Amino acid sequence: NEVNKPAAKKEISAQGVCFWPKDSKEKGSLYALHRDARIGSIIQVNNPMGNRTVYAKVIGRIPEGYERNIEVVLSPEAARKLGARDPRFFVKTKYLNNKTGE
């Protein structure tokens, strides 16, 4: 017998390249672009070098033209909090995905 359960939220773990616009002068916002995480949700991004973690709000999708290995695009402030020095660096991500509502 199957029980009707609400749509389960599943934690997705991934890893790949993080890109951020190093030349941007923007300050203060912690946001991300991602291919799959629900827009409006929070994504955890970890930089294994230095083991720093930041939580950023997903505000949109990664635009066409970015390579497939780009896992997440972060705002400059989020990247700085991770200790990023280069515009591309390796990260691990975690986010909740529920397929309902999108």
Protein backbone atom coordinates (compact mmCIF):
# COMPACT_ATOMS: atom_id res chain seq x y z
CA ASN A 1 0.00 0.00 0.00
CA GLU A 2 1.35 3.36 -1.00
CA VAL A 3 0.66 6.33 1.21
CA ASN A 4 0.02 9.67 -0.44
CA LYS A 5 2.87 11.88 0.69
CA PRO A 6 3.42 15.52 -0.15
CA ALA A 7 6.10 16.13 -2.76
CA ALA A 8 9.35 15.38 -0.99
CA LYS A 9 12.12 17.91 -1.02
CA LYS A 10 15.35 16.24 -1.94
CA GLU A 11 18.78 17.61 -1.12
CA ILE A 12 20.90 17.68 -4.25
CA SER A 13 24.69 17.77 -3.92
CA ALA A 14 26.81 18.73 -6.89
CA GLN A 15 30.21 20.11 -7.73
CA GLY A 16 31.75 22.04 -10.55
CA VAL A 17 33.09 25.39 -11.59
CA CYS A 18 31.87 28.61 -10.02
CA PHE A 19 32.10 31.76 -12.12
CA TRP A 20 31.79 35.31 -10.85
CA PRO A 21 32.21 38.70 -12.52
CA LYS A 22 35.50 39.73 -10.94
CA ASP A 23 35.44 43.20 -12.49
CA SER A 24 32.06 44.09 -10.98
CA LYS A 25 32.09 46.83 -8.35
CA GLU A 26 28.79 45.70 -6.87
CA LYS A 27 28.70 45.34 -3.09
CA GLY A 28 26.56 43.56 -0.59
CA SER A 29 24.26 41.10 -2.33
CA LEU A 30 24.53 37.33 -1.95
CA TYR A 31 22.88 35.83 -4.99
CA ALA A 32 23.39 33.03 -7.48
CA LEU A 33 22.37 31.87 -10.94
CA HIS A 34 21.84 28.12 -11.25
CA ARG A 35 20.48 25.67 -13.84
CA ASP A 36 18.26 23.56 -11.58
CA ALA A 37 17.80 25.03 -8.10
CA ARG A 38 14.38 26.60 -7.57
CA ILE A 39 14.34 30.35 -8.18
CA GLY A 40 13.87 32.11 -4.86
CA SER A 41 15.45 29.27 -2.90
CA ILE A 42 18.76 29.34 -1.04
CA ILE A 43 21.78 27.43 -2.34
CA GLN A 44 24.75 26.44 -0.20
CA VAL A 45 28.09 26.95 -1.96
CA ASN A 46 31.30 25.60 -0.42
CA ASN A 47 34.84 26.42 -1.51
CA PRO A 48 36.91 23.37 -0.44
CA MET A 49 40.07 25.50 -0.60
CA GLY A 50 39.90 27.17 2.79
CA ASN A 51 36.62 25.38 3.54
CA ARG A 52 34.42 28.47 3.38
CA THR A 53 30.68 28.30 2.83
CA VAL A 54 28.19 30.93 1.70
CA TYR A 55 24.40 30.80 1.32
CA ALA A 56 23.07 32.68 -1.69
CA LYS A 57 19.59 33.31 -3.05
CA VAL A 58 18.91 31.84 -6.49
CA ILE A 59 17.59 34.72 -8.60
CA GLY A 60 17.68 33.14 -12.05
CA ARG A 61 19.08 30.63 -14.50
CA ILE A 62 22.61 30.51 -15.92
CA PRO A 63 22.36 32.21 -19.34
CA GLU A 64 23.14 30.54 -22.64
CA GLY A 65 26.77 30.91 -23.59
CA TYR A 66 28.24 29.62 -20.34
CA GLU A 67 30.02 26.29 -20.54
CA ARG A 68 28.17 23.23 -19.26
CA ASN A 69 30.72 22.70 -16.48
CA ILE A 70 29.73 25.99 -14.83
CA GLU A 71 27.77 24.80 -11.79
CA VAL A 72 26.86 28.21 -10.37
CA VAL A 73 27.37 31.90 -11.12
CA LEU A 74 27.78 33.94 -7.93
CA SER A 75 27.56 37.62 -7.17
CA PRO A 76 30.91 39.27 -6.43
CA GLU A 77 30.11 39.62 -2.72
CA ALA A 78 29.24 35.91 -2.39
CA ALA A 79 32.46 34.95 -4.21
CA ARG A 80 34.53 37.22 -1.97
CA LYS A 81 33.02 35.61 1.14
CA LEU A 82 34.21 32.26 -0.26
CA GLY A 83 37.75 33.64 -0.55
CA ALA A 84 37.70 33.59 -4.36
CA ARG A 85 40.69 35.11 -6.10
CA ASP A 86 40.13 33.87 -9.63
CA PRO A 87 36.98 34.45 -11.69
CA ARG A 88 36.59 30.65 -11.96
CA PHE A 89 37.11 28.22 -9.11
CA PHE A 90 35.93 24.80 -7.94
CA VAL A 91 32.95 24.59 -5.59
CA LYS A 92 30.56 22.08 -4.05
CA THR A 93 26.88 22.99 -3.89
CA LYS A 94 23.85 21.76 -1.97
CA TYR A 95 20.25 22.77 -2.51
CA LEU A 96 16.77 21.48 -1.94
CA ASN A 97 14.86 20.61 -5.04
CA ASN A 98 11.19 19.93 -5.18
CA LYS A 99 9.84 19.58 -8.63
CA THR A 100 6.41 20.97 -7.80
CA GLY A 101 5.70 24.59 -8.55
CA GLU A 102 8.17 25.03 -11.36
